[in-house]
Amino acid sequence: MAKELEEIIEEYGDYLLRVAYLYVKDLTTAEDIVQEVFITFYKKQSQFKGEASLKTYLVKITVNRCHDYLRSWKRKRLTLMDKMTGKGDRRTPEYLVLEAADRMRVTEALLQLPILYREVIILYYYQELNTVKIAGILDCPEATVRTRLQRARKLLHKQLIGYEWEGWQHESFEG
């Protein structure tokens, strides 16, 4: 049992960490969320029916935990206290690495999107899920997912207009 869980953590841990970070924008919090996801899975793995892939199941738990965190009073209180005390700018090595990665224009634009749009972009483009699976993860109609994707692309297009990188042009987000 423990060996199987270790394999699952090894296979999906980094991926879930990236997903959580894209939601909460904080490495430590993302690590805590992923740890909670694996603890939850360990305790309730008998509830996994195999109707979706294990990866999809774990992503859904991760997304739900991120939503819980983003709605939590603890997060709002910590953000307020950091702003009041000026402790919000902690420059740990992990923070500096993430800060460098955030300089990438697309990531910056993505993180500026409202959560409703950000999550569909993450699930569709980064996790390469189709709209049916996304609708299942977010527990909403597929038409809502398609509408959010369309609106998210338009918002990203506005933010990225005029930027072109090798092999990528901003027009690719219009569709």
Protein backbone atom coordinates (compact mmCIF):
# COMPACT_ATOMS: atom_id res chain seq x y z
CA MET A 1 0.00 0.00 0.00
CA ALA A 2 2.72 2.50 1.00
CA LYS A 3 4.86 1.57 -2.00
CA GLU A 4 1.91 2.14 -4.34
CA LEU A 5 1.27 5.55 -2.78
CA GLU A 6 4.95 6.46 -3.16
CA GLU A 7 4.73 5.62 -6.86
CA ILE A 8 1.62 7.79 -7.24
CA ILE A 9 3.34 10.68 -5.46
CA GLU A 10 6.43 10.25 -7.62
CA GLU A 11 4.38 10.16 -10.82
CA TYR A 12 1.94 13.01 -10.15
CA GLY A 13 3.49 15.14 -7.39
CA ASP A 14 5.35 17.68 -9.54
CA TYR A 15 2.44 18.01 -11.92
CA LEU A 16 -0.05 18.66 -9.11
CA LEU A 17 2.38 21.16 -7.58
CA ARG A 18 2.45 23.12 -10.84
CA VAL A 19 -1.34 23.06 -11.01
CA ALA A 20 -1.69 24.27 -7.43
CA TYR A 21 0.92 26.99 -7.92
CA LEU A 22 -0.90 28.35 -10.97
CA TYR A 23 -3.97 28.73 -8.79
CA VAL A 24 -2.56 30.07 -5.52
CA LYS A 25 0.64 31.78 -6.79
CA ASP A 26 2.62 30.72 -3.70
CA LEU A 27 5.02 27.75 -3.63
CA THR A 28 4.67 26.96 0.07
CA THR A 29 0.89 27.04 -0.08
CA ALA A 30 0.91 24.94 -3.26
CA GLU A 31 3.13 22.35 -1.53
CA ASP A 32 0.74 22.26 1.44
CA ILE A 33 -2.24 21.79 -0.86
CA VAL A 34 -0.57 18.92 -2.75
CA GLN A 35 0.35 17.27 0.55
CA GLU A 36 -3.31 17.54 1.62
CA VAL A 37 -4.38 16.04 -1.70
CA PHE A 38 -2.21 12.97 -1.19
CA ILE A 39 -3.33 12.59 2.42
CA THR A 40 -6.96 12.82 1.30
CA PHE A 41 -6.34 10.30 -1.46
CA TYR A 42 -4.62 7.91 0.97
CA LYS A 43 -7.51 8.10 3.44
CA LYS A 44 -10.25 7.85 0.81
CA GLN A 45 -8.67 5.87 -2.02
CA SER A 46 -11.43 3.28 -1.76
CA GLN A 47 -13.79 5.99 -3.10
CA PHE A 48 -11.82 6.18 -6.34
CA LYS A 49 -13.97 4.18 -8.74
CA GLY A 50 -11.72 4.44 -11.77
CA GLU A 51 -14.41 6.23 -13.83
CA ALA A 52 -11.76 8.80 -14.78
CA SER A 53 -8.01 8.44 -14.85
CA LEU A 54 -6.16 8.71 -11.55
CA LYS A 55 -4.48 11.87 -12.86
CA THR A 56 -7.86 13.50 -13.57
CA TYR A 57 -9.13 12.44 -10.15
CA LEU A 58 -6.11 13.91 -8.36
CA VAL A 59 -6.31 17.12 -10.42
CA LYS A 60 -9.96 17.50 -9.44
CA ILE A 61 -9.08 17.14 -5.75
CA THR A 62 -6.23 19.64 -6.22
CA VAL A 63 -8.47 22.18 -7.97
CA ASN A 64 -11.08 21.83 -5.22
CA ARG A 65 -8.45 22.33 -2.49
CA CYS A 66 -7.15 25.41 -4.32
CA HIS A 67 -10.66 26.81 -4.50
CA ASP A 68 -11.13 26.14 -0.79
CA TYR A 69 -7.87 27.93 -0.03
CA LEU A 70 -8.70 30.92 -2.23
CA ARG A 71 -12.05 31.31 -0.45
CA SER A 72 -10.61 30.79 3.03
CA TRP A 73 -10.47 33.40 5.75
CA LYS A 74 -6.94 32.23 6.61
CA ARG A 75 -5.63 33.33 3.22
CA LYS A 76 -7.37 36.69 3.41
CA ARG A 77 -6.08 37.25 6.94
CA LEU A 78 -2.49 36.31 5.99
CA THR A 79 -2.56 38.60 2.96
CA LEU A 80 -3.86 41.48 5.08
CA MET A 81 -1.26 40.87 7.80
CA ASP A 82 1.57 40.68 5.22
CA LYS A 83 0.48 43.98 3.74
CA MET A 84 0.20 45.65 7.15
CA THR A 85 3.56 44.38 8.42
CA GLY A 86 5.43 44.61 5.13
CA LYS A 87 6.38 40.93 5.29
CA GLY A 88 4.82 40.11 1.94
CA ASP A 89 8.15 40.36 0.12
CA ARG A 90 10.08 37.30 1.32
CA ARG A 91 12.93 36.62 -1.06
CA THR A 92 13.72 32.96 -0.48
CA PRO A 93 15.61 31.01 -3.15
CA GLU A 94 12.36 29.31 -4.17
CA TYR A 95 10.69 32.68 -4.51
CA LEU A 96 13.49 34.00 -6.71
CA VAL A 97 13.26 30.98 -9.02
CA LEU A 98 9.51 31.42 -9.34
CA GLU A 99 9.91 35.15 -9.80
CA ALA A 100 12.23 34.52 -12.75
CA ALA A 101 9.73 32.10 -14.26
CA ASP A 102 6.94 34.63 -13.81
CA ARG A 103 8.75 37.07 -16.04
CA MET A 104 7.56 35.09 -18.97
CA ARG A 105 4.85 37.19 -20.54
CA VAL A 106 2.32 34.40 -21.09
CA THR A 107 2.49 33.23 -17.50
CA GLU A 108 2.13 36.79 -16.31
CA ALA A 109 -0.92 37.32 -18.48
CA LEU A 110 -2.42 34.02 -17.37
CA LEU A 111 -2.04 34.83 -13.69
CA GLN A 112 -3.85 38.12 -14.21
CA LEU A 113 -6.96 36.38 -15.43
CA PRO A 114 -9.89 35.93 -13.05
CA ILE A 115 -9.91 32.43 -11.56
CA LEU A 116 -12.87 31.29 -13.67
CA TYR A 117 -10.89 31.95 -16.84
CA ARG A 118 -7.49 30.99 -15.51
CA GLU A 119 -8.61 27.52 -14.48
CA VAL A 120 -10.12 26.61 -17.85
CA ILE A 121 -6.96 27.78 -19.64
CA ILE A 122 -4.80 25.75 -17.25
CA LEU A 123 -6.92 22.64 -17.60
CA TYR A 124 -7.28 22.91 -21.38
CA TYR A 125 -3.84 24.05 -22.50
CA TYR A 126 -1.47 23.03 -19.71
CA GLN A 127 -3.14 19.78 -18.69
CA GLU A 128 -4.46 19.07 -22.19
CA LEU A 129 -7.91 18.04 -21.00
CA ASN A 130 -10.92 18.25 -23.28
CA THR A 131 -13.98 20.34 -22.45
CA VAL A 132 -15.97 17.28 -21.32
CA LYS A 133 -13.35 16.36 -18.70
CA ILE A 134 -12.99 20.00 -17.62
CA ALA A 135 -16.76 20.23 -17.14
CA GLY A 136 -16.55 17.17 -14.89
CA ILE A 137 -13.70 18.59 -12.85
CA LEU A 138 -15.36 21.98 -12.42
CA ASP A 139 -18.83 20.49 -12.01
CA CYS A 140 -20.42 22.75 -14.61
CA PRO A 141 -21.98 22.32 -18.07
CA GLU A 142 -19.64 21.80 -21.02
CA ALA A 143 -21.14 24.88 -22.73
CA THR A 144 -20.01 26.96 -19.74
CA VAL A 145 -16.47 25.62 -20.14
CA ARG A 146 -16.46 26.53 -23.84
CA THR A 147 -17.77 30.03 -23.08
CA ARG A 148 -15.13 30.57 -20.39
CA LEU A 149 -12.41 29.34 -22.75
CA GLN A 150 -13.55 31.76 -25.44
CA ARG A 151 -13.63 34.69 -23.01
CA ALA A 152 -10.27 33.72 -21.49
CA ARG A 153 -8.67 33.61 -24.94
CA LYS A 154 -10.01 37.07 -25.71
CA LEU A 155 -8.65 38.45 -22.44
CA LEU A 156 -5.25 36.85 -23.05
CA HIS A 157 -5.25 38.16 -26.61
CA LYS A 158 -5.78 41.72 -25.33
CA GLN A 159 -2.91 41.34 -22.86
CA LEU A 160 -0.53 39.71 -25.33
CA ILE A 161 -1.25 41.81 -28.41
CA GLY A 162 1.96 42.83 -30.11
CA TYR A 163 4.06 40.04 -28.57
CA GLU A 164 5.48 37.34 -30.80
CA TRP A 165 7.91 34.60 -29.89
CA GLU A 166 9.62 32.07 -32.08
CA GLY A 167 7.04 29.52 -33.15
CA TRP A 168 4.15 31.29 -31.42
CA GLN A 169 1.99 34.24 -32.32
CA HIS A 170 -0.71 35.86 -30.25
CA GLU A 171 -3.35 35.05 -32.92
CA SER A 172 -3.29 31.41 -31.80
CA PHE A 173 -5.37 32.37 -28.76
CA GLU A 174 -8.17 33.91 -30.78
CA GLY A 175 -9.87 30.63 -31.73
